[in-house]
Amino acid sequence: MKKIVLGTLIAAASLMAANFAQCASCHGAKAEKKALGKSKIIAGWPAEKIEKALHGYKDGSYGGAMKGVMKGQVARLSDADIKELAKTISSFK
């Protein structure tokens, strides 16, 4: 049983790392960059703000110049994925 739980936790951590790896290509390894020189720096944002932004990108109600790019990036994410991704990004200071 412990192996199953540990395996599940490792798989979940790997998935979140993979999800953020896609973000890091534009936002930086610790979300410290303006994506493509245009976005706000998102490191240090509260998880709730990130989650709201990601949901807004997904439904088309949020975003500026990069709105179309971000909509495509978050389209495949579930609500649970968005919540975990927001938690990960908010941990960067």
PDB file of N, CA and C in Angstrom:
ATOM      1  N   MET A   1       0.825  -1.198   0.000  1.00  0.00           N
ATOM      2  CA  MET A   1       0.000   0.000   0.000  1.00  0.00           C
ATOM      3  C   MET A   1       0.867   1.258   0.000  1.00  0.00           C
ATOM      4  N   LYS A   2       1.941   1.258   0.810  1.00  0.00           N
ATOM      5  CA  LYS A   2       2.822   2.417   0.864  1.00  0.00           C
ATOM      6  C   LYS A   2       3.449   2.685  -0.495  1.00  0.00           C
ATOM      7  N   LYS A   3       3.779   1.621  -1.222  1.00  0.00           N
ATOM      8  CA  LYS A   3       4.390   1.789  -2.545  1.00  0.00           C
ATOM      9  C   LYS A   3       3.414   2.429  -3.518  1.00  0.00           C
ATOM     10  N   ILE A   4       2.148   2.066  -3.409  1.00  0.00           N
ATOM     11  CA  ILE A   4       1.130   2.641  -4.293  1.00  0.00           C
ATOM     12  C   ILE A   4       0.974   4.129  -4.011  1.00  0.00           C
ATOM     13  N   VAL A   5       0.879   4.494  -2.739  1.00  0.00           N
ATOM     14  CA  VAL A   5       0.722   5.897  -2.361  1.00  0.00           C
ATOM     15  C   VAL A   5       1.952   6.691  -2.789  1.00  0.00           C
ATOM     16  N   LEU A   6       3.126   6.173  -2.512  1.00  0.00           N
ATOM     17  CA  LEU A   6       4.359   6.856  -2.885  1.00  0.00           C
ATOM     18  C   LEU A   6       4.445   7.013  -4.402  1.00  0.00           C
ATOM     19  N   GLY A   7       4.099   5.969  -5.122  1.00  0.00           N
ATOM     20  CA  GLY A   7       4.108   6.030  -6.584  1.00  0.00           C
ATOM     21  C   GLY A   7       3.148   7.074  -7.118  1.00  0.00           C
ATOM     22  N   THR A   8       1.978   7.160  -6.499  1.00  0.00           N
ATOM     23  CA  THR A   8       0.980   8.149  -6.908  1.00  0.00           C
ATOM     24  C   THR A   8       1.488   9.566  -6.656  1.00  0.00           C
ATOM     25  N   LEU A   9       2.107   9.777  -5.499  1.00  0.00           N
ATOM     26  CA  LEU A   9       2.656  11.097  -5.176  1.00  0.00           C
ATOM     27  C   LEU A   9       3.768  11.488  -6.141  1.00  0.00           C
ATOM     28  N   ILE A  10       4.626  10.551  -6.456  1.00  0.00           N
ATOM     29  CA  ILE A  10       5.720  10.823  -7.395  1.00  0.00           C
ATOM     30  C   ILE A  10       5.161  11.140  -8.776  1.00  0.00           C
ATOM     31  N   ALA A  11       4.168  10.383  -9.195  1.00  0.00           N
ATOM     32  CA  ALA A  11       3.548  10.633 -10.505  1.00  0.00           C
ATOM     33  C   ALA A  11       2.899  12.016 -10.544  1.00  0.00           C
ATOM     34  N   ALA A  12       2.213  12.396  -9.468  1.00  0.00           N
ATOM     35  CA  ALA A  12       1.568  13.712  -9.417  1.00  0.00           C
ATOM     36  C   ALA A  12       2.607  14.826  -9.450  1.00  0.00           C
ATOM     37  N   ALA A  13       3.689  14.663  -8.701  1.00  0.00           N
ATOM     38  CA  ALA A  13       4.761  15.661  -8.705  1.00  0.00           C
ATOM     39  C   ALA A  13       5.399  15.762 -10.085  1.00  0.00           C
ATOM     40  N   SER A  14       5.578  14.642 -10.734  1.00  0.00           N
ATOM     41  CA  SER A  14       6.154  14.643 -12.082  1.00  0.00           C
ATOM     42  C   SER A  14       5.236  15.354 -13.066  1.00  0.00           C
ATOM     43  N   LEU A  15       3.936  15.137 -12.936  1.00  0.00           N
ATOM     44  CA  LEU A  15       2.972  15.789 -13.813  1.00  0.00           C
ATOM     45  C   LEU A  15       3.012  17.300 -13.622  1.00  0.00           C
ATOM     46  N   MET A  16       3.040  17.760 -12.372  1.00  0.00           N
ATOM     47  CA  MET A  16       3.097  19.193 -12.120  1.00  0.00           C
ATOM     48  C   MET A  16       4.405  19.774 -12.633  1.00  0.00           C
ATOM     49  N   ALA A  17       5.502  19.052 -12.464  1.00  0.00           N
ATOM     50  CA  ALA A  17       6.783  19.515 -12.998  1.00  0.00           C
ATOM     51  C   ALA A  17       6.698  19.619 -14.512  1.00  0.00           C
ATOM     52  N   ALA A  18       6.069  18.654 -15.139  1.00  0.00           N
ATOM     53  CA  ALA A  18       5.913  18.678 -16.594  1.00  0.00           C
ATOM     54  C   ALA A  18       5.022  19.841 -17.010  1.00  0.00           C
ATOM     55  N   ASN A  19       3.928  20.081 -16.279  1.00  0.00           N
ATOM     56  CA  ASN A  19       3.054  21.210 -16.594  1.00  0.00           C
ATOM     57  C   ASN A  19       3.809  22.524 -16.464  1.00  0.00           C
ATOM     58  N   PHE A  20       4.589  22.690 -15.387  1.00  0.00           N
ATOM     59  CA  PHE A  20       5.316  23.945 -15.225  1.00  0.00           C
ATOM     60  C   PHE A  20       6.469  24.057 -16.211  1.00  0.00           C
ATOM     61  N   ALA A  21       7.056  22.950 -16.619  1.00  0.00           N
ATOM     62  CA  ALA A  21       8.149  22.999 -17.596  1.00  0.00           C
ATOM     63  C   ALA A  21       7.684  23.711 -18.859  1.00  0.00           C
ATOM     64  N   GLN A  22       6.458  23.485 -19.237  1.00  0.00           N
ATOM     65  CA  GLN A  22       5.898  24.167 -20.406  1.00  0.00           C
ATOM     66  C   GLN A  22       5.810  25.671 -20.136  1.00  0.00           C
ATOM     67  N   CYS A  23       5.422  26.053 -18.938  1.00  0.00           N
ATOM     68  CA  CYS A  23       5.333  27.471 -18.564  1.00  0.00           C
ATOM     69  C   CYS A  23       6.722  28.106 -18.527  1.00  0.00           C
ATOM     70  N   ALA A  24       7.680  27.349 -17.988  1.00  0.00           N
ATOM     71  CA  ALA A  24       9.038  27.857 -17.793  1.00  0.00           C
ATOM     72  C   ALA A  24       9.713  28.252 -19.094  1.00  0.00           C
ATOM     73  N   SER A  25       9.309  27.648 -20.192  1.00  0.00           N
ATOM     74  CA  SER A  25       9.948  27.994 -21.460  1.00  0.00           C
ATOM     75  C   SER A  25       9.758  29.475 -21.803  1.00  0.00           C
ATOM     76  N   CYS A  26       8.692  30.094 -21.334  1.00  0.00           N
ATOM     77  CA  CYS A  26       8.480  31.533 -21.551  1.00  0.00           C
ATOM     78  C   CYS A  26       8.649  32.351 -20.272  1.00  0.00           C
ATOM     79  N   HIS A  27       8.165  31.820 -19.139  1.00  0.00           N
ATOM     80  CA  HIS A  27       8.153  32.573 -17.884  1.00  0.00           C
ATOM     81  C   HIS A  27       9.422  32.420 -17.052  1.00  0.00           C
ATOM     82  N   GLY A  28      10.315  31.496 -17.417  1.00  0.00           N
ATOM     83  CA  GLY A  28      11.537  31.265 -16.660  1.00  0.00           C
ATOM     84  C   GLY A  28      11.369  30.131 -15.666  1.00  0.00           C
ATOM     85  N   ALA A  29      12.491  29.553 -15.255  1.00  0.00           N
ATOM     86  CA  ALA A  29      12.492  28.378 -14.380  1.00  0.00           C
ATOM     87  C   ALA A  29      11.796  28.620 -13.047  1.00  0.00           C
ATOM     88  N   LYS A  30      11.800  29.860 -12.579  1.00  0.00           N
ATOM     89  CA  LYS A  30      11.147  30.216 -11.315  1.00  0.00           C
ATOM     90  C   LYS A  30      10.091  31.299 -11.537  1.00  0.00           C
ATOM     91  N   ALA A  31       9.537  31.341 -12.748  1.00  0.00           N
ATOM     92  CA  ALA A  31       8.486  32.309 -13.115  1.00  0.00           C
ATOM     93  C   ALA A  31       8.954  33.750 -12.932  1.00  0.00           C
ATOM     94  N   GLU A  32      10.264  33.964 -13.122  1.00  0.00           N
ATOM     95  CA  GLU A  32      10.885  35.258 -12.844  1.00  0.00           C
ATOM     96  C   GLU A  32      10.970  36.185 -14.053  1.00  0.00           C
ATOM     97  N   LYS A  33      10.502  35.761 -15.209  1.00  0.00           N
ATOM     98  CA  LYS A  33      10.633  36.555 -16.434  1.00  0.00           C
ATOM     99  C   LYS A  33       9.283  37.044 -16.943  1.00  0.00           C
ATOM    100  N   LYS A  34       9.344  38.128 -17.700  1.00  0.00           N
ATOM    101  CA  LYS A  34       8.181  38.549 -18.473  1.00  0.00           C
ATOM    102  C   LYS A  34       8.132  37.620 -19.673  1.00  0.00           C
ATOM    103  N   ALA A  35       7.064  36.898 -19.842  1.00  0.00           N
ATOM    104  CA  ALA A  35       6.951  35.957 -20.958  1.00  0.00           C
ATOM    105  C   ALA A  35       7.035  36.717 -22.276  1.00  0.00           C
ATOM    106  N   LEU A  36       7.983  36.305 -23.099  1.00  0.00           N
ATOM    107  CA  LEU A  36       8.226  36.933 -24.400  1.00  0.00           C
ATOM    108  C   LEU A  36       8.382  38.446 -24.279  1.00  0.00           C
ATOM    109  N   GLY A  37       8.817  38.890 -23.089  1.00  0.00           N
ATOM    110  CA  GLY A  37       9.034  40.311 -22.838  1.00  0.00           C
ATOM    111  C   GLY A  37       7.761  41.129 -22.716  1.00  0.00           C
ATOM    112  N   LYS A  38       6.611  40.475 -22.631  1.00  0.00           N
ATOM    113  CA  LYS A  38       5.330  41.193 -22.655  1.00  0.00           C
ATOM    114  C   LYS A  38       4.473  41.028 -21.405  1.00  0.00           C
ATOM    115  N   SER A  39       4.555  39.893 -20.729  1.00  0.00           N
ATOM    116  CA  SER A  39       3.648  39.638 -19.606  1.00  0.00           C
ATOM    117  C   SER A  39       4.180  40.256 -18.319  1.00  0.00           C
ATOM    118  N   LYS A  40       3.395  40.155 -17.287  1.00  0.00           N
ATOM    119  CA  LYS A  40       3.854  40.513 -15.948  1.00  0.00           C
ATOM    120  C   LYS A  40       4.691  39.358 -15.420  1.00  0.00           C
ATOM    121  N   ILE A  41       5.580  39.647 -14.490  1.00  0.00           N
ATOM    122  CA  ILE A  41       6.325  38.593 -13.808  1.00  0.00           C
ATOM    123  C   ILE A  41       5.367  37.969 -12.798  1.00  0.00           C
ATOM    124  N   ILE A  42       5.183  36.653 -12.882  1.00  0.00           N
ATOM    125  CA  ILE A  42       4.170  35.987 -12.055  1.00  0.00           C
ATOM    126  C   ILE A  42       4.727  35.358 -10.786  1.00  0.00           C
ATOM    127  N   ALA A  43       6.050  35.320 -10.636  1.00  0.00           N
ATOM    128  CA  ALA A  43       6.635  34.788  -9.397  1.00  0.00           C
ATOM    129  C   ALA A  43       6.127  35.619  -8.223  1.00  0.00           C
ATOM    130  N   GLY A  44       5.700  34.942  -7.170  1.00  0.00           N
ATOM    131  CA  GLY A  44       5.229  35.626  -5.980  1.00  0.00           C
ATOM    132  C   GLY A  44       3.746  35.971  -5.981  1.00  0.00           C
ATOM    133  N   TRP A  45       3.071  35.760  -7.100  1.00  0.00           N
ATOM    134  CA  TRP A  45       1.626  35.988  -7.107  1.00  0.00           C
ATOM    135  C   TRP A  45       0.962  34.971  -6.185  1.00  0.00           C
ATOM    136  N   PRO A  46      -0.107  35.360  -5.497  1.00  0.00           N
ATOM    137  CA  PRO A  46      -0.849  34.382  -4.695  1.00  0.00           C
ATOM    138  C   PRO A  46      -1.495  33.330  -5.607  1.00  0.00           C
ATOM    139  N   ALA A  47      -1.628  32.128  -5.100  1.00  0.00           N
ATOM    140  CA  ALA A  47      -2.199  31.025  -5.882  1.00  0.00           C
ATOM    141  C   ALA A  47      -3.581  31.382  -6.425  1.00  0.00           C
ATOM    142  N   GLU A  48      -4.386  32.086  -5.631  1.00  0.00           N
ATOM    143  CA  GLU A  48      -5.743  32.437  -6.052  1.00  0.00           C
ATOM    144  C   GLU A  48      -5.722  33.333  -7.291  1.00  0.00           C
ATOM    145  N   LYS A  49      -4.786  34.272  -7.327  1.00  0.00           N
ATOM    146  CA  LYS A  49      -4.675  35.185  -8.470  1.00  0.00           C
ATOM    147  C   LYS A  49      -4.244  34.422  -9.726  1.00  0.00           C
ATOM    148  N   ILE A  50      -3.305  33.506  -9.559  1.00  0.00           N
ATOM    149  CA  ILE A  50      -2.828  32.701 -10.685  1.00  0.00           C
ATOM    150  C   ILE A  50      -3.954  31.811 -11.196  1.00  0.00           C
ATOM    151  N   GLU A  51      -4.648  31.184 -10.266  1.00  0.00           N
ATOM    152  CA  GLU A  51      -5.757  30.295 -10.634  1.00  0.00           C
ATOM    153  C   GLU A  51      -6.835  31.065 -11.408  1.00  0.00           C
ATOM    154  N   LYS A  52      -7.175  32.250 -10.926  1.00  0.00           N
ATOM    155  CA  LYS A  52      -8.182  33.078 -11.601  1.00  0.00           C
ATOM    156  C   LYS A  52      -7.708  33.451 -13.007  1.00  0.00           C
ATOM    157  N   ALA A  53      -6.433  33.820 -13.138  1.00  0.00           N
ATOM    158  CA  ALA A  53      -5.887  34.180 -14.449  1.00  0.00           C
ATOM    159  C   ALA A  53      -5.919  32.987 -15.399  1.00  0.00           C
ATOM    160  N   LEU A  54      -5.508  31.818 -14.916  1.00  0.00           N
ATOM    161  CA  LEU A  54      -5.487  30.631 -15.774  1.00  0.00           C
ATOM    162  C   LEU A  54      -6.888  30.235 -16.229  1.00  0.00           C
ATOM    163  N   HIS A  55      -7.855  30.309 -15.321  1.00  0.00           N
ATOM    164  CA  HIS A  55      -9.248  30.029 -15.711  1.00  0.00           C
ATOM    165  C   HIS A  55      -9.733  31.069 -16.725  1.00  0.00           C
ATOM    166  N   GLY A  56      -9.339  32.322 -16.516  1.00  0.00           N
ATOM    167  CA  GLY A  56      -9.715  33.381 -17.450  1.00  0.00           C
ATOM    168  C   GLY A  56      -9.113  33.181 -18.832  1.00  0.00           C
ATOM    169  N   TYR A  57      -7.852  32.758 -18.871  1.00  0.00           N
ATOM    170  CA  TYR A  57      -7.246  32.441 -20.168  1.00  0.00           C
ATOM    171  C   TYR A  57      -8.009  31.297 -20.834  1.00  0.00           C
ATOM    172  N   LYS A  58      -8.360  30.316 -20.034  1.00  0.00           N
ATOM    173  CA  LYS A  58      -9.042  29.140 -20.579  1.00  0.00           C
ATOM    174  C   LYS A  58     -10.406  29.493 -21.176  1.00  0.00           C
ATOM    175  N   ASP A  59     -11.159  30.365 -20.484  1.00  0.00           N
ATOM    176  CA  ASP A  59     -12.495  30.705 -20.994  1.00  0.00           C
ATOM    177  C   ASP A  59     -12.504  31.976 -21.854  1.00  0.00           C
ATOM    178  N   GLY A  60     -11.327  32.583 -22.035  1.00  0.00           N
ATOM    179  CA  GLY A  60     -11.209  33.747 -22.908  1.00  0.00           C
ATOM    180  C   GLY A  60     -11.549  35.080 -22.273  1.00  0.00           C
ATOM    181  N   SER A  61     -11.770  35.116 -20.952  1.00  0.00           N
ATOM    182  CA  SER A  61     -12.172  36.346 -20.279  1.00  0.00           C
ATOM    183  C   SER A  61     -11.007  37.131 -19.680  1.00  0.00           C
ATOM    184  N   TYR A  62      -9.776  36.671 -19.860  1.00  0.00           N
ATOM    185  CA  TYR A  62      -8.613  37.311 -19.239  1.00  0.00           C
ATOM    186  C   TYR A  62      -7.478  37.378 -20.246  1.00  0.00           C
ATOM    187  N   GLY A  63      -6.685  38.419 -20.137  1.00  0.00           N
ATOM    188  CA  GLY A  63      -5.448  38.471 -20.910  1.00  0.00           C
ATOM    189  C   GLY A  63      -5.330  39.668 -21.813  1.00  0.00           C
ATOM    190  N   GLY A  64      -4.089  39.936 -22.153  1.00  0.00           N
ATOM    191  CA  GLY A  64      -3.776  41.045 -23.039  1.00  0.00           C
ATOM    192  C   GLY A  64      -3.225  40.521 -24.346  1.00  0.00           C
ATOM    193  N   ALA A  65      -2.038  41.006 -24.684  1.00  0.00           N
ATOM    194  CA  ALA A  65      -1.415  40.694 -25.975  1.00  0.00           C
ATOM    195  C   ALA A  65      -1.206  39.202 -26.209  1.00  0.00           C
ATOM    196  N   MET A  66      -0.974  38.454 -25.152  1.00  0.00           N
ATOM    197  CA  MET A  66      -0.664  37.029 -25.293  1.00  0.00           C
ATOM    198  C   MET A  66      -1.865  36.125 -25.008  1.00  0.00           C
ATOM    199  N   LYS A  67      -3.038  36.709 -24.977  1.00  0.00           N
ATOM    200  CA  LYS A  67      -4.257  35.971 -24.644  1.00  0.00           C
ATOM    201  C   LYS A  67      -4.440  34.713 -25.499  1.00  0.00           C
ATOM    202  N   GLY A  68      -4.245  34.825 -26.790  1.00  0.00           N
ATOM    203  CA  GLY A  68      -4.423  33.680 -27.684  1.00  0.00           C
ATOM    204  C   GLY A  68      -3.426  32.573 -27.419  1.00  0.00           C
ATOM    205  N   VAL A  69      -2.183  32.949 -27.142  1.00  0.00           N
ATOM    206  CA  VAL A  69      -1.144  31.957 -26.841  1.00  0.00           C
ATOM    207  C   VAL A  69      -1.491  31.223 -25.552  1.00  0.00           C
ATOM    208  N   MET A  70      -1.855  31.980 -24.530  1.00  0.00           N
ATOM    209  CA  MET A  70      -2.150  31.366 -23.232  1.00  0.00           C
ATOM    210  C   MET A  70      -3.404  30.502 -23.279  1.00  0.00           C
ATOM    211  N   LYS A  71      -4.390  30.900 -24.054  1.00  0.00           N
ATOM    212  CA  LYS A  71      -5.607  30.085 -24.157  1.00  0.00           C
ATOM    213  C   LYS A  71      -5.252  28.686 -24.640  1.00  0.00           C
ATOM    214  N   GLY A  72      -4.384  28.599 -25.615  1.00  0.00           N
ATOM    215  CA  GLY A  72      -3.937  27.296 -26.113  1.00  0.00           C
ATOM    216  C   GLY A  72      -3.132  26.518 -25.090  1.00  0.00           C
ATOM    217  N   GLN A  73      -2.363  27.232 -24.277  1.00  0.00           N
ATOM    218  CA  GLN A  73      -1.525  26.571 -23.281  1.00  0.00           C
ATOM    219  C   GLN A  73      -2.349  25.938 -22.160  1.00  0.00           C
ATOM    220  N   VAL A  74      -3.434  26.579 -21.772  1.00  0.00           N
ATOM    221  CA  VAL A  74      -4.222  26.078 -20.637  1.00  0.00           C
ATOM    222  C   VAL A  74      -5.424  25.231 -21.051  1.00  0.00           C
ATOM    223  N   ALA A  75      -5.695  25.143 -22.330  1.00  0.00           N
ATOM    224  CA  ALA A  75      -6.890  24.443 -22.812  1.00  0.00           C
ATOM    225  C   ALA A  75      -6.981  23.006 -22.312  1.00  0.00           C
ATOM    226  N   ARG A  76      -5.869  22.313 -22.221  1.00  0.00           N
ATOM    227  CA  ARG A  76      -5.874  20.899 -21.834  1.00  0.00           C
ATOM    228  C   ARG A  76      -5.882  20.683 -20.321  1.00  0.00           C
ATOM    229  N   LEU A  77      -5.720  21.753 -19.546  1.00  0.00           N
ATOM    230  CA  LEU A  77      -5.630  21.612 -18.093  1.00  0.00           C
ATOM    231  C   LEU A  77      -7.007  21.481 -17.452  1.00  0.00           C
ATOM    232  N   SER A  78      -7.122  20.541 -16.527  1.00  0.00           N
ATOM    233  CA  SER A  78      -8.357  20.400 -15.746  1.00  0.00           C
ATOM    234  C   SER A  78      -8.349  21.440 -14.628  1.00  0.00           C
ATOM    235  N   ASP A  79      -9.466  21.588 -13.940  1.00  0.00           N
ATOM    236  CA  ASP A  79      -9.526  22.493 -12.791  1.00  0.00           C
ATOM    237  C   ASP A  79      -8.509  22.088 -11.736  1.00  0.00           C
ATOM    238  N   ALA A  80      -8.353  20.787 -11.512  1.00  0.00           N
ATOM    239  CA  ALA A  80      -7.377  20.297 -10.526  1.00  0.00           C
ATOM    240  C   ALA A  80      -5.955  20.619 -10.976  1.00  0.00           C
ATOM    241  N   ASP A  81      -5.674  20.473 -12.274  1.00  0.00           N
ATOM    242  CA  ASP A  81      -4.351  20.816 -12.802  1.00  0.00           C
ATOM    243  C   ASP A  81      -4.055  22.295 -12.581  1.00  0.00           C
ATOM    244  N   ILE A  82      -5.043  23.136 -12.852  1.00  0.00           N
ATOM    245  CA  ILE A  82      -4.876  24.583 -12.686  1.00  0.00           C
ATOM    246  C   ILE A  82      -4.599  24.915 -11.233  1.00  0.00           C
ATOM    247  N   LYS A  83      -5.329  24.300 -10.328  1.00  0.00           N
ATOM    248  CA  LYS A  83      -5.135  24.537  -8.895  1.00  0.00           C
ATOM    249  C   LYS A  83      -3.714  24.161  -8.475  1.00  0.00           C
ATOM    250  N   GLU A  84      -3.246  23.009  -8.891  1.00  0.00           N
ATOM    251  CA  GLU A  84      -1.894  22.557  -8.538  1.00  0.00           C
ATOM    252  C   GLU A  84      -0.822  23.415  -9.200  1.00  0.00           C
ATOM    253  N   LEU A  85      -1.033  23.796 -10.431  1.00  0.00           N
ATOM    254  CA  LEU A  85      -0.080  24.639 -11.140  1.00  0.00           C
ATOM    255  C   LEU A  85       0.014  26.007 -10.466  1.00  0.00           C
ATOM    256  N   ALA A  86      -1.117  26.558 -10.070  1.00  0.00           N
ATOM    257  CA  ALA A  86      -1.133  27.840  -9.358  1.00  0.00           C
ATOM    258  C   ALA A  86      -0.381  27.730  -8.039  1.00  0.00           C
ATOM    259  N   LYS A  87      -0.562  26.631  -7.347  1.00  0.00           N
ATOM    260  CA  LYS A  87       0.147  26.399  -6.082  1.00  0.00           C
ATOM    261  C   LYS A  87       1.654  26.343  -6.322  1.00  0.00           C
ATOM    262  N   THR A  88       2.065  25.655  -7.382  1.00  0.00           N
ATOM    263  CA  THR A  88       3.483  25.553  -7.714  1.00  0.00           C
ATOM    264  C   THR A  88       4.065  26.924  -8.035  1.00  0.00           C
ATOM    265  N   ILE A  89       3.410  27.665  -8.909  1.00  0.00           N
ATOM    266  CA  ILE A  89       3.923  28.976  -9.322  1.00  0.00           C
ATOM    267  C   ILE A  89       3.966  29.939  -8.143  1.00  0.00           C
ATOM    268  N   SER A  90       2.963  29.902  -7.277  1.00  0.00           N
ATOM    269  CA  SER A  90       2.927  30.820  -6.130  1.00  0.00           C
ATOM    270  C   SER A  90       4.040  30.539  -5.130  1.00  0.00           C
ATOM    271  N   SER A  91       4.629  29.362  -5.195  1.00  0.00           N
ATOM    272  CA  SER A  91       5.722  29.034  -4.268  1.00  0.00           C
ATOM    273  C   SER A  91       7.038  29.693  -4.672  1.00  0.00           C
ATOM    274  N   PHE A  92       7.118  30.204  -5.896  1.00  0.00           N
ATOM    275  CA  PHE A  92       8.333  30.886  -6.348  1.00  0.00           C
ATOM    276  C   PHE A  92       8.307  32.322  -5.855  1.00  0.00           C
ATOM    277  N   LYS A  93       9.373  32.725  -5.217  1.00  0.00           N
ATOM    278  CA  LYS A  93       9.434  34.092  -4.664  1.00  0.00           C
ATOM    279  C   LYS A  93      10.522  34.897  -5.323  1.00  0.00           C
TER     280      LYS A  93
END
